[in-house]
C-alpha cells in the first residue's frame, strides 16, 4: 500500500469568495478581465429562499464548470445560471467536502455515514449510503474531516481523526485503515 500524506487544511471565506468569482467567470467562458465594465466581481446569493444552510464548508469545480458546494447536508450545485440542491436524507450533521469520481458521483460523508450522490436521469442526485459495507466493529466513527479522490489508486478517501475509509470507485468496497500521526492529525496512512 502506498503512503498518503495529508495535512490539516481549511478554506478561508475570502478564498471561497475569490474561488466562486473565478469559477463564475470560467463558467461563462470569460476571464475576470473580460467581464463587463461595472459588473460586480462577486454575486451574492441568499440561501434562505432556497431553503439551504447558511454554512458552507468545501467547494469543488467539476470538469464541465459546475461549482459544487458542501452546504449543510446538501449537495449544492451552480452551473453559472442557477443554483440547484439535493439533500442528504439525514439532517443531523454537515457535509464538509465532496470528492468527484470518474463516474460523476459526488462522494461525501456525515457523522457515521459515508456514501455518494448518484446522478439521476432527470438531472437530480440521489444519496446512496455505503454504511452497510463498513465493518460493524468500526461503527460508530463520528464526523469526517474530508473526502478526496485518489486517481492513482482509484479510491475515494474519507478521512477521520483516527482512521480513513478507502472506497474503491469500481466495486464500491470499503476498506478501513488506521492513521498514524502526532497531535491528533494524521500524517500517513499505512
C-alpha atoms as a PDB file:
ATOM      1  CA  UNK A   1       0.000   0.000   0.000  1.00  0.00           C
ATOM      2  CA  UNK A   2       1.352   3.426  -0.854  1.00  0.00           C
ATOM      3  CA  UNK A   3       1.700   6.171   1.716  1.00  0.00           C
ATOM      4  CA  UNK A   4      -0.767   9.043   1.551  1.00  0.00           C
ATOM      5  CA  UNK A   5       0.368  12.246   3.213  1.00  0.00           C
ATOM      6  CA  UNK A   6      -2.381  14.552   4.419  1.00  0.00           C
ATOM      7  CA  UNK A   7      -2.218  17.883   6.174  1.00  0.00           C
ATOM      8  CA  UNK A   8      -4.768  19.836   8.094  1.00  0.00           C
ATOM      9  CA  UNK A   9      -6.423  22.456   5.898  1.00  0.00           C
ATOM     10  CA  UNK A  10      -9.417  24.755   5.731  1.00  0.00           C
ATOM     11  CA  UNK A  11     -10.931  27.229   3.317  1.00  0.00           C
ATOM     12  CA  UNK A  12     -10.811  30.887   4.359  1.00  0.00           C
ATOM     13  CA  UNK A  13     -14.040  32.793   3.491  1.00  0.00           C
ATOM     14  CA  UNK A  14     -12.113  35.319   1.359  1.00  0.00           C
ATOM     15  CA  UNK A  15     -10.578  32.463  -0.636  1.00  0.00           C
ATOM     16  CA  UNK A  16     -14.046  30.950  -1.080  1.00  0.00           C
ATOM     17  CA  UNK A  17     -15.407  34.229  -2.485  1.00  0.00           C
ATOM     18  CA  UNK A  18     -12.444  34.520  -4.848  1.00  0.00           C
ATOM     19  CA  UNK A  19     -12.912  30.911  -5.995  1.00  0.00           C
ATOM     20  CA  UNK A  20     -16.636  31.362  -6.682  1.00  0.00           C
ATOM     21  CA  UNK A  21     -15.891  34.575  -8.591  1.00  0.00           C
ATOM     22  CA  UNK A  22     -13.202  32.866 -10.641  1.00  0.00           C
ATOM     23  CA  UNK A  23     -15.460  29.886 -11.369  1.00  0.00           C
ATOM     24  CA  UNK A  24     -18.353  32.168 -12.348  1.00  0.00           C
ATOM     25  CA  UNK A  25     -16.157  33.820 -14.977  1.00  0.00           C
ATOM     26  CA  UNK A  26     -14.855  30.469 -16.187  1.00  0.00           C
ATOM     27  CA  UNK A  27     -18.374  29.005 -16.371  1.00  0.00           C
ATOM     28  CA  UNK A  28     -19.451  31.929 -18.538  1.00  0.00           C
ATOM     29  CA  UNK A  29     -16.416  31.423 -20.802  1.00  0.00           C
ATOM     30  CA  UNK A  30     -14.779  34.713 -19.803  1.00  0.00           C
ATOM     31  CA  UNK A  31     -11.766  35.633 -17.745  1.00  0.00           C
ATOM     32  CA  UNK A  32     -12.186  38.137 -14.930  1.00  0.00           C
ATOM     33  CA  UNK A  33     -10.520  40.776 -17.116  1.00  0.00           C
ATOM     34  CA  UNK A  34     -13.102  40.207 -19.881  1.00  0.00           C
ATOM     35  CA  UNK A  35     -16.173  40.861 -17.712  1.00  0.00           C
ATOM     36  CA  UNK A  36     -18.405  43.806 -18.475  1.00  0.00           C
ATOM     37  CA  UNK A  37     -17.319  47.148 -17.078  1.00  0.00           C
ATOM     38  CA  UNK A  38     -19.124  47.988 -13.850  1.00  0.00           C
ATOM     39  CA  UNK A  39     -20.233  44.412 -13.139  1.00  0.00           C
ATOM     40  CA  UNK A  40     -19.673  43.244  -9.588  1.00  0.00           C
ATOM     41  CA  UNK A  41     -16.936  40.656  -9.241  1.00  0.00           C
ATOM     42  CA  UNK A  42     -18.907  38.664  -6.669  1.00  0.00           C
ATOM     43  CA  UNK A  43     -22.548  37.678  -6.970  1.00  0.00           C
ATOM     44  CA  UNK A  44     -24.263  37.226  -3.609  1.00  0.00           C
ATOM     45  CA  UNK A  45     -26.921  34.517  -3.420  1.00  0.00           C
ATOM     46  CA  UNK A  46     -29.264  34.415  -0.426  1.00  0.00           C
ATOM     47  CA  UNK A  47     -29.561  30.893   0.979  1.00  0.00           C
ATOM     48  CA  UNK A  48     -32.873  31.456   2.794  1.00  0.00           C
ATOM     49  CA  UNK A  49     -35.210  31.427  -0.276  1.00  0.00           C
ATOM     50  CA  UNK A  50     -33.535  28.225  -1.496  1.00  0.00           C
ATOM     51  CA  UNK A  51     -34.068  26.520   1.846  1.00  0.00           C
ATOM     52  CA  UNK A  52     -30.423  25.540   2.221  1.00  0.00           C
ATOM     53  CA  UNK A  53     -27.987  26.036   5.082  1.00  0.00           C
ATOM     54  CA  UNK A  54     -26.138  29.250   5.823  1.00  0.00           C
ATOM     55  CA  UNK A  55     -22.858  27.387   6.467  1.00  0.00           C
ATOM     56  CA  UNK A  56     -20.638  26.418   3.549  1.00  0.00           C
ATOM     57  CA  UNK A  57     -17.614  24.175   4.012  1.00  0.00           C
ATOM     58  CA  UNK A  58     -15.975  22.916   0.829  1.00  0.00           C
ATOM     59  CA  UNK A  59     -16.044  23.916  -2.835  1.00  0.00           C
ATOM     60  CA  UNK A  60     -15.372  21.682  -5.846  1.00  0.00           C
ATOM     61  CA  UNK A  61     -15.317  22.656  -9.529  1.00  0.00           C
ATOM     62  CA  UNK A  62     -16.321  19.901 -11.955  1.00  0.00           C
ATOM     63  CA  UNK A  63     -14.716  19.381 -15.388  1.00  0.00           C
ATOM     64  CA  UNK A  64     -17.849  20.855 -17.038  1.00  0.00           C
ATOM     65  CA  UNK A  65     -17.564  24.067 -14.987  1.00  0.00           C
ATOM     66  CA  UNK A  66     -20.197  23.473 -12.300  1.00  0.00           C
ATOM     67  CA  UNK A  67     -19.418  24.782  -8.841  1.00  0.00           C
ATOM     68  CA  UNK A  68     -20.352  22.222  -6.171  1.00  0.00           C
ATOM     69  CA  UNK A  69     -20.626  23.380  -2.579  1.00  0.00           C
ATOM     70  CA  UNK A  70     -20.792  21.344   0.631  1.00  0.00           C
ATOM     71  CA  UNK A  71     -23.670  23.246   2.220  1.00  0.00           C
ATOM     72  CA  UNK A  72     -25.117  21.862   5.446  1.00  0.00           C
ATOM     73  CA  UNK A  73     -26.229  18.389   4.459  1.00  0.00           C
ATOM     74  CA  UNK A  74     -26.921  19.431   0.856  1.00  0.00           C
ATOM     75  CA  UNK A  75     -25.269  18.891  -2.492  1.00  0.00           C
ATOM     76  CA  UNK A  76     -25.478  22.469  -3.775  1.00  0.00           C
ATOM     77  CA  UNK A  77     -24.597  22.978  -7.465  1.00  0.00           C
ATOM     78  CA  UNK A  78     -24.213  26.140  -9.549  1.00  0.00           C
ATOM     79  CA  UNK A  79     -23.985  25.882 -13.347  1.00  0.00           C
ATOM     80  CA  UNK A  80     -23.335  29.571 -13.981  1.00  0.00           C
ATOM     81  CA  UNK A  81     -27.028  30.436 -14.257  1.00  0.00           C
ATOM     82  CA  UNK A  82     -28.868  28.796 -11.373  1.00  0.00           C
ATOM     83  CA  UNK A  83     -28.396  27.018  -8.041  1.00  0.00           C
ATOM     84  CA  UNK A  84     -29.793  23.506  -7.589  1.00  0.00           C
ATOM     85  CA  UNK A  85     -29.602  21.400  -4.451  1.00  0.00           C
ATOM     86  CA  UNK A  86     -30.130  17.782  -3.472  1.00  0.00           C
ATOM     87  CA  UNK A  87     -30.454  16.820   0.177  1.00  0.00           C
ATOM     88  CA  UNK A  88     -28.867  14.064   2.208  1.00  0.00           C
ATOM     89  CA  UNK A  89     -31.784  12.110   3.760  1.00  0.00           C
ATOM     90  CA  UNK A  90     -30.427  12.515   7.304  1.00  0.00           C
ATOM     91  CA  UNK A  91     -30.430  16.080   8.618  1.00  0.00           C
ATOM     92  CA  UNK A  92     -28.126  15.696  11.600  1.00  0.00           C
ATOM     93  CA  UNK A  93     -24.713  16.868  10.511  1.00  0.00           C
ATOM     94  CA  UNK A  94     -22.665  18.795   7.988  1.00  0.00           C
ATOM     95  CA  UNK A  95     -21.038  17.581   4.812  1.00  0.00           C
ATOM     96  CA  UNK A  96     -17.588  19.148   4.784  1.00  0.00           C
ATOM     97  CA  UNK A  97     -16.156  18.168   1.389  1.00  0.00           C
ATOM     98  CA  UNK A  98     -17.070  16.327  -1.805  1.00  0.00           C
ATOM     99  CA  UNK A  99     -14.877  14.107  -3.946  1.00  0.00           C
ATOM    100  CA  UNK A 100     -15.888  13.636  -7.592  1.00  0.00           C
ATOM    101  CA  UNK A 101     -15.143  10.225  -9.100  1.00  0.00           C
ATOM    102  CA  UNK A 102     -14.814   9.441 -12.851  1.00  0.00           C
ATOM    103  CA  UNK A 103     -18.424   8.164 -12.941  1.00  0.00           C
ATOM    104  CA  UNK A 104     -19.812  11.574 -11.948  1.00  0.00           C
ATOM    105  CA  UNK A 105     -20.682  10.606  -8.367  1.00  0.00           C
ATOM    106  CA  UNK A 106     -20.092  13.080  -5.552  1.00  0.00           C
ATOM    107  CA  UNK A 107     -18.682  11.132  -2.582  1.00  0.00           C
ATOM    108  CA  UNK A 108     -19.133  12.580   0.901  1.00  0.00           C
ATOM    109  CA  UNK A 109     -19.859  11.671   4.468  1.00  0.00           C
ATOM    110  CA  UNK A 110     -21.567  12.849   7.610  1.00  0.00           C
ATOM    111  CA  UNK A 111     -21.376  11.528  11.154  1.00  0.00           C
ATOM    112  CA  UNK A 112     -21.473   7.719  10.993  1.00  0.00           C
ATOM    113  CA  UNK A 113     -22.367   7.556   7.276  1.00  0.00           C
ATOM    114  CA  UNK A 114     -20.362   7.639   4.045  1.00  0.00           C
ATOM    115  CA  UNK A 115     -21.645   7.306   0.507  1.00  0.00           C
ATOM    116  CA  UNK A 116     -22.218   9.304  -2.636  1.00  0.00           C
ATOM    117  CA  UNK A 117     -24.755  11.335  -4.560  1.00  0.00           C
ATOM    118  CA  UNK A 118     -25.615   9.355  -7.711  1.00  0.00           C
ATOM    119  CA  UNK A 119     -26.729  11.300 -10.823  1.00  0.00           C
ATOM    120  CA  UNK A 120     -30.298  10.503 -11.899  1.00  0.00           C
ATOM    121  CA  UNK A 121     -31.789  10.692 -15.440  1.00  0.00           C
ATOM    122  CA  UNK A 122     -33.791  13.825 -14.508  1.00  0.00           C
ATOM    123  CA  UNK A 123     -30.600  15.718 -13.569  1.00  0.00           C
ATOM    124  CA  UNK A 124     -31.081  15.416  -9.804  1.00  0.00           C
ATOM    125  CA  UNK A 125     -28.782  13.464  -7.481  1.00  0.00           C
ATOM    126  CA  UNK A 126     -29.818  10.777  -5.005  1.00  0.00           C
ATOM    127  CA  UNK A 127     -27.868   9.731  -1.885  1.00  0.00           C
ATOM    128  CA  UNK A 128     -26.542   6.145  -1.805  1.00  0.00           C
ATOM    129  CA  UNK A 129     -25.208   5.084   1.603  1.00  0.00           C
ATOM    130  CA  UNK A 130     -22.213   2.751   1.939  1.00  0.00           C
ATOM    131  CA  UNK A 131     -22.621   2.394   5.705  1.00  0.00           C
ATOM    132  CA  UNK A 132     -23.618  -1.281   5.428  1.00  0.00           C
ATOM    133  CA  UNK A 133     -20.297  -2.023   3.685  1.00  0.00           C
ATOM    134  CA  UNK A 134     -18.283  -0.806   6.695  1.00  0.00           C
ATOM    135  CA  UNK A 135     -17.076  -3.401   9.199  1.00  0.00           C
ATOM    136  CA  UNK A 136     -19.578  -3.166  12.113  1.00  0.00           C
ATOM    137  CA  UNK A 137     -16.637  -3.169  14.553  1.00  0.00           C
ATOM    138  CA  UNK A 138     -15.649   0.223  13.060  1.00  0.00           C
ATOM    139  CA  UNK A 139     -19.041   1.830  13.846  1.00  0.00           C
ATOM    140  CA  UNK A 140     -19.823   4.424  15.027  1.00  0.00           C
ATOM    141  CA  UNK A 141     -16.991   6.545  13.682  1.00  0.00           C
ATOM    142  CA  UNK A 142     -18.008  10.158  14.262  1.00  0.00           C
ATOM    143  CA  UNK A 143     -17.598  13.148  11.970  1.00  0.00           C
ATOM    144  CA  UNK A 144     -15.478  13.113   8.832  1.00  0.00           C
ATOM    145  CA  UNK A 145     -12.654  15.598   8.278  1.00  0.00           C
ATOM    146  CA  UNK A 146     -12.734  15.443   4.492  1.00  0.00           C
ATOM    147  CA  UNK A 147     -13.094  13.378   1.327  1.00  0.00           C
ATOM    148  CA  UNK A 148     -10.820  13.247  -1.710  1.00  0.00           C
ATOM    149  CA  UNK A 149     -10.449  11.194  -4.890  1.00  0.00           C
ATOM    150  CA  UNK A 150      -7.091   9.469  -5.481  1.00  0.00           C
ATOM    151  CA  UNK A 151      -6.854   8.715  -9.221  1.00  0.00           C
ATOM    152  CA  UNK A 152      -3.591   6.764  -8.822  1.00  0.00           C
ATOM    153  CA  UNK A 153      -5.325   4.160  -6.635  1.00  0.00           C
ATOM    154  CA  UNK A 154      -8.888   4.524  -7.950  1.00  0.00           C
ATOM    155  CA  UNK A 155     -10.271   5.167  -4.471  1.00  0.00           C
ATOM    156  CA  UNK A 156     -12.071   7.902  -2.583  1.00  0.00           C
ATOM    157  CA  UNK A 157     -10.539   8.579   0.825  1.00  0.00           C
ATOM    158  CA  UNK A 158     -12.847   9.602   3.664  1.00  0.00           C
ATOM    159  CA  UNK A 159     -10.616  10.966   6.420  1.00  0.00           C
ATOM    160  CA  UNK A 160     -11.340  10.982  10.129  1.00  0.00           C
ATOM    161  CA  UNK A 161      -9.173  11.820  13.129  1.00  0.00           C
ATOM    162  CA  UNK A 162      -8.073   8.234  13.808  1.00  0.00           C
ATOM    163  CA  UNK A 163      -8.816   6.333  10.604  1.00  0.00           C
ATOM    164  CA  UNK A 164      -9.662   6.567   6.925  1.00  0.00           C
ATOM    165  CA  UNK A 165     -12.122   4.731   4.741  1.00  0.00           C
ATOM    166  CA  UNK A 166     -10.955   3.866   1.231  1.00  0.00           C
ATOM    167  CA  UNK A 167     -13.845   3.332  -1.202  1.00  0.00           C
ATOM    168  CA  UNK A 168     -12.938   1.558  -4.445  1.00  0.00           C
ATOM    169  CA  UNK A 169     -14.824   3.531  -7.124  1.00  0.00           C
ATOM    170  CA  UNK A 170     -15.333   0.440  -9.315  1.00  0.00           C
ATOM    171  CA  UNK A 171     -16.520  -2.120  -6.748  1.00  0.00           C
ATOM    172  CA  UNK A 172     -17.677   0.316  -4.013  1.00  0.00           C
ATOM    173  CA  UNK A 173     -15.973  -1.907  -1.438  1.00  0.00           C
ATOM    174  CA  UNK A 174     -14.933  -0.074   1.727  1.00  0.00           C
ATOM    175  CA  UNK A 175     -11.630  -0.695   3.494  1.00  0.00           C
ATOM    176  CA  UNK A 176     -10.808   0.812   6.894  1.00  0.00           C
ATOM    177  CA  UNK A 177      -7.245   1.965   7.560  1.00  0.00           C
ATOM    178  CA  UNK A 178      -5.833   3.271  10.827  1.00  0.00           C
ATOM    179  CA  UNK A 179      -3.982   6.586  10.776  1.00  0.00           C
ATOM    180  CA  UNK A 180      -0.577   7.304  12.258  1.00  0.00           C
ATOM    181  CA  UNK A 181       0.008  10.854  13.424  1.00  0.00           C
ATOM    182  CA  UNK A 182       1.007  13.323  16.091  1.00  0.00           C
ATOM    183  CA  UNK A 183      -1.237  15.744  17.910  1.00  0.00           C
ATOM    184  CA  UNK A 184      -4.401  14.125  16.631  1.00  0.00           C
ATOM    185  CA  UNK A 185      -3.764  14.938  12.960  1.00  0.00           C
ATOM    186  CA  UNK A 186      -2.825  12.175  10.530  1.00  0.00           C
ATOM    187  CA  UNK A 187       0.485  12.302   8.704  1.00  0.00           C
ATOM    188  CA  UNK A 188       0.398   8.983   6.888  1.00  0.00           C
ATOM    189  CA  UNK A 189      -1.801   6.011   6.223  1.00  0.00           C
ATOM    190  CA  UNK A 190      -0.228   2.612   6.428  1.00  0.00           C
END
